[in-house]
């Protein structure tokens, strides 16, 4: 089974993360420990 393609963005601050989420309403957050 292969995962779907996705676009990865790495925020360097909380403000940047909030901005990225606002620009991409379908975005989901991931945290350490998840396998891609």
PDB file of N, CA and C in Angstrom:
ATOM      1  N   UNK A   1       0.848  -1.171   0.000  1.00  0.00           N
ATOM      2  CA  UNK A   1       0.000   0.000   0.000  1.00  0.00           C
ATOM      3  C   UNK A   1       0.900   1.242   0.000  1.00  0.00           C
ATOM      4  N   UNK A   2       0.610   2.155  -0.877  1.00  0.00           N
ATOM      5  CA  UNK A   2       1.376   3.387  -0.975  1.00  0.00           C
ATOM      6  C   UNK A   2       0.538   4.555  -0.470  1.00  0.00           C
ATOM      7  N   UNK A   3       1.169   5.471   0.281  1.00  0.00           N
ATOM      8  CA  UNK A   3       0.408   6.635   0.762  1.00  0.00           C
ATOM      9  C   UNK A   3       0.088   7.594  -0.373  1.00  0.00           C
ATOM     10  N   UNK A   4      -0.968   8.360  -0.202  1.00  0.00           N
ATOM     11  CA  UNK A   4      -1.304   9.401  -1.171  1.00  0.00           C
ATOM     12  C   UNK A   4      -0.209  10.457  -1.176  1.00  0.00           C
ATOM     13  N   UNK A   5      -0.061  11.128  -2.312  1.00  0.00           N
ATOM     14  CA  UNK A   5       0.886  12.232  -2.378  1.00  0.00           C
ATOM     15  C   UNK A   5       0.390  13.367  -1.496  1.00  0.00           C
ATOM     16  N   UNK A   6       1.315  14.105  -0.934  1.00  0.00           N
ATOM     17  CA  UNK A   6       0.949  15.244  -0.111  1.00  0.00           C
ATOM     18  C   UNK A   6       2.025  16.309  -0.222  1.00  0.00           C
ATOM     19  N   UNK A   7       1.664  17.503   0.157  1.00  0.00           N
ATOM     20  CA  UNK A   7       2.581  18.637   0.151  1.00  0.00           C
ATOM     21  C   UNK A   7       2.956  18.934   1.596  1.00  0.00           C
ATOM     22  N   UNK A   8       4.252  19.015   1.879  1.00  0.00           N
ATOM     23  CA  UNK A   8       4.727  19.206   3.247  1.00  0.00           C
ATOM     24  C   UNK A   8       5.250  20.620   3.433  1.00  0.00           C
ATOM     25  N   UNK A   9       4.811  21.277   4.491  1.00  0.00           N
ATOM     26  CA  UNK A   9       5.303  22.606   4.859  1.00  0.00           C
ATOM     27  C   UNK A   9       5.795  22.529   6.295  1.00  0.00           C
ATOM     28  N   UNK A  10       6.934  23.127   6.556  1.00  0.00           N
ATOM     29  CA  UNK A  10       7.484  23.147   7.904  1.00  0.00           C
ATOM     30  C   UNK A  10       7.474  24.571   8.435  1.00  0.00           C
ATOM     31  N   UNK A  11       6.676  24.809   9.444  1.00  0.00           N
ATOM     32  CA  UNK A  11       6.594  26.147  10.039  1.00  0.00           C
ATOM     33  C   UNK A  11       7.731  26.323  11.040  1.00  0.00           C
ATOM     34  N   UNK A  12       8.273  27.533  11.101  1.00  0.00           N
ATOM     35  CA  UNK A  12       9.360  27.800  12.042  1.00  0.00           C
ATOM     36  C   UNK A  12       8.910  28.639  13.235  1.00  0.00           C
ATOM     37  N   UNK A  13       7.609  28.906  13.307  1.00  0.00           N
ATOM     38  CA  UNK A  13       7.053  29.646  14.439  1.00  0.00           C
ATOM     39  C   UNK A  13       5.555  29.372  14.505  1.00  0.00           C
ATOM     40  N   UNK A  14       4.961  29.718  15.617  1.00  0.00           N
ATOM     41  CA  UNK A  14       3.514  29.558  15.767  1.00  0.00           C
ATOM     42  C   UNK A  14       2.792  30.443  14.761  1.00  0.00           C
ATOM     43  N   UNK A  15       3.276  31.659  14.596  1.00  0.00           N
ATOM     44  CA  UNK A  15       2.650  32.590  13.649  1.00  0.00           C
ATOM     45  C   UNK A  15       2.683  32.026  12.229  1.00  0.00           C
ATOM     46  N   UNK A  16       3.805  31.433  11.862  1.00  0.00           N
ATOM     47  CA  UNK A  16       3.931  30.830  10.533  1.00  0.00           C
ATOM     48  C   UNK A  16       2.974  29.648  10.379  1.00  0.00           C
ATOM     49  N   UNK A  17       2.846  28.838  11.414  1.00  0.00           N
ATOM     50  CA  UNK A  17       1.933  27.695  11.373  1.00  0.00           C
ATOM     51  C   UNK A  17       0.491  28.155  11.212  1.00  0.00           C
ATOM     52  N   UNK A  18       0.099  29.175  11.956  1.00  0.00           N
ATOM     53  CA  UNK A  18      -1.260  29.706  11.865  1.00  0.00           C
ATOM     54  C   UNK A  18      -1.513  30.251  10.466  1.00  0.00           C
ATOM     55  N   UNK A  19      -0.536  30.941   9.909  1.00  0.00           N
ATOM     56  CA  UNK A  19      -0.669  31.490   8.560  1.00  0.00           C
ATOM     57  C   UNK A  19      -0.820  30.377   7.525  1.00  0.00           C
ATOM     58  N   UNK A  20       0.006  29.336   7.634  1.00  0.00           N
ATOM     59  CA  UNK A  20      -0.089  28.215   6.695  1.00  0.00           C
ATOM     60  C   UNK A  20      -1.444  27.524   6.796  1.00  0.00           C
ATOM     61  N   UNK A  21      -1.948  27.358   8.014  1.00  0.00           N
ATOM     62  CA  UNK A  21      -3.260  26.731   8.191  1.00  0.00           C
ATOM     63  C   UNK A  21      -4.374  27.594   7.617  1.00  0.00           C
ATOM     64  N   UNK A  22      -4.250  28.904   7.764  1.00  0.00           N
ATOM     65  CA  UNK A  22      -5.265  29.813   7.223  1.00  0.00           C
ATOM     66  C   UNK A  22      -5.275  29.775   5.698  1.00  0.00           C
ATOM     67  N   UNK A  23      -4.099  29.620   5.091  1.00  0.00           N
ATOM     68  CA  UNK A  23      -3.986  29.592   3.632  1.00  0.00           C
ATOM     69  C   UNK A  23      -4.402  28.246   3.043  1.00  0.00           C
ATOM     70  N   UNK A  24      -4.401  27.194   3.861  1.00  0.00           N
ATOM     71  CA  UNK A  24      -4.691  25.838   3.393  1.00  0.00           C
ATOM     72  C   UNK A  24      -5.730  25.196   4.307  1.00  0.00           C
ATOM     73  N   UNK A  25      -7.011  25.488   4.083  1.00  0.00           N
ATOM     74  CA  UNK A  25      -8.055  25.014   5.005  1.00  0.00           C
ATOM     75  C   UNK A  25      -8.163  23.492   5.115  1.00  0.00           C
ATOM     76  N   UNK A  26      -7.662  22.746   4.138  1.00  0.00           N
ATOM     77  CA  UNK A  26      -7.708  21.286   4.209  1.00  0.00           C
ATOM     78  C   UNK A  26      -6.452  20.695   4.845  1.00  0.00           C
ATOM     79  N   UNK A  27      -5.559  21.550   5.326  1.00  0.00           N
ATOM     80  CA  UNK A  27      -4.298  21.092   5.911  1.00  0.00           C
ATOM     81  C   UNK A  27      -4.540  20.346   7.217  1.00  0.00           C
ATOM     82  N   UNK A  28      -3.616  19.450   7.523  1.00  0.00           N
ATOM     83  CA  UNK A  28      -3.652  18.718   8.782  1.00  0.00           C
ATOM     84  C   UNK A  28      -2.281  18.827   9.428  1.00  0.00           C
ATOM     85  N   UNK A  29      -2.271  18.892  10.743  1.00  0.00           N
ATOM     86  CA  UNK A  29      -1.017  18.960  11.479  1.00  0.00           C
ATOM     87  C   UNK A  29      -0.503  17.555  11.745  1.00  0.00           C
ATOM     88  N   UNK A  30       0.819  17.383  11.674  1.00  0.00           N
ATOM     89  CA  UNK A  30       1.438  16.131  12.079  1.00  0.00           C
ATOM     90  C   UNK A  30       2.511  16.463  13.105  1.00  0.00           C
ATOM     91  N   UNK A  31       2.807  15.508  13.962  1.00  0.00           N
ATOM     92  CA  UNK A  31       3.820  15.703  14.997  1.00  0.00           C
ATOM     93  C   UNK A  31       4.798  14.537  14.941  1.00  0.00           C
ATOM     94  N   UNK A  32       5.868  14.648  15.673  1.00  0.00           N
ATOM     95  CA  UNK A  32       6.878  13.598  15.688  1.00  0.00           C
ATOM     96  C   UNK A  32       6.295  12.237  16.036  1.00  0.00           C
ATOM     97  N   UNK A  33       6.919  11.200  15.520  1.00  0.00           N
ATOM     98  CA  UNK A  33       6.470   9.853  15.808  1.00  0.00           C
ATOM     99  C   UNK A  33       5.534   9.272  14.767  1.00  0.00           C
ATOM    100  N   UNK A  34       5.105  10.074  13.808  1.00  0.00           N
ATOM    101  CA  UNK A  34       4.236   9.568  12.743  1.00  0.00           C
ATOM    102  C   UNK A  34       5.102   9.093  11.582  1.00  0.00           C
ATOM    103  N   UNK A  35       4.752   7.984  11.010  1.00  0.00           N
ATOM    104  CA  UNK A  35       5.460   7.546   9.811  1.00  0.00           C
ATOM    105  C   UNK A  35       4.759   8.137   8.599  1.00  0.00           C
ATOM    106  N   UNK A  36       5.541   8.585   7.655  1.00  0.00           N
ATOM    107  CA  UNK A  36       4.971   9.133   6.430  1.00  0.00           C
ATOM    108  C   UNK A  36       4.885   8.012   5.462  1.00  0.00           C
TER     109      UNK A  36
END
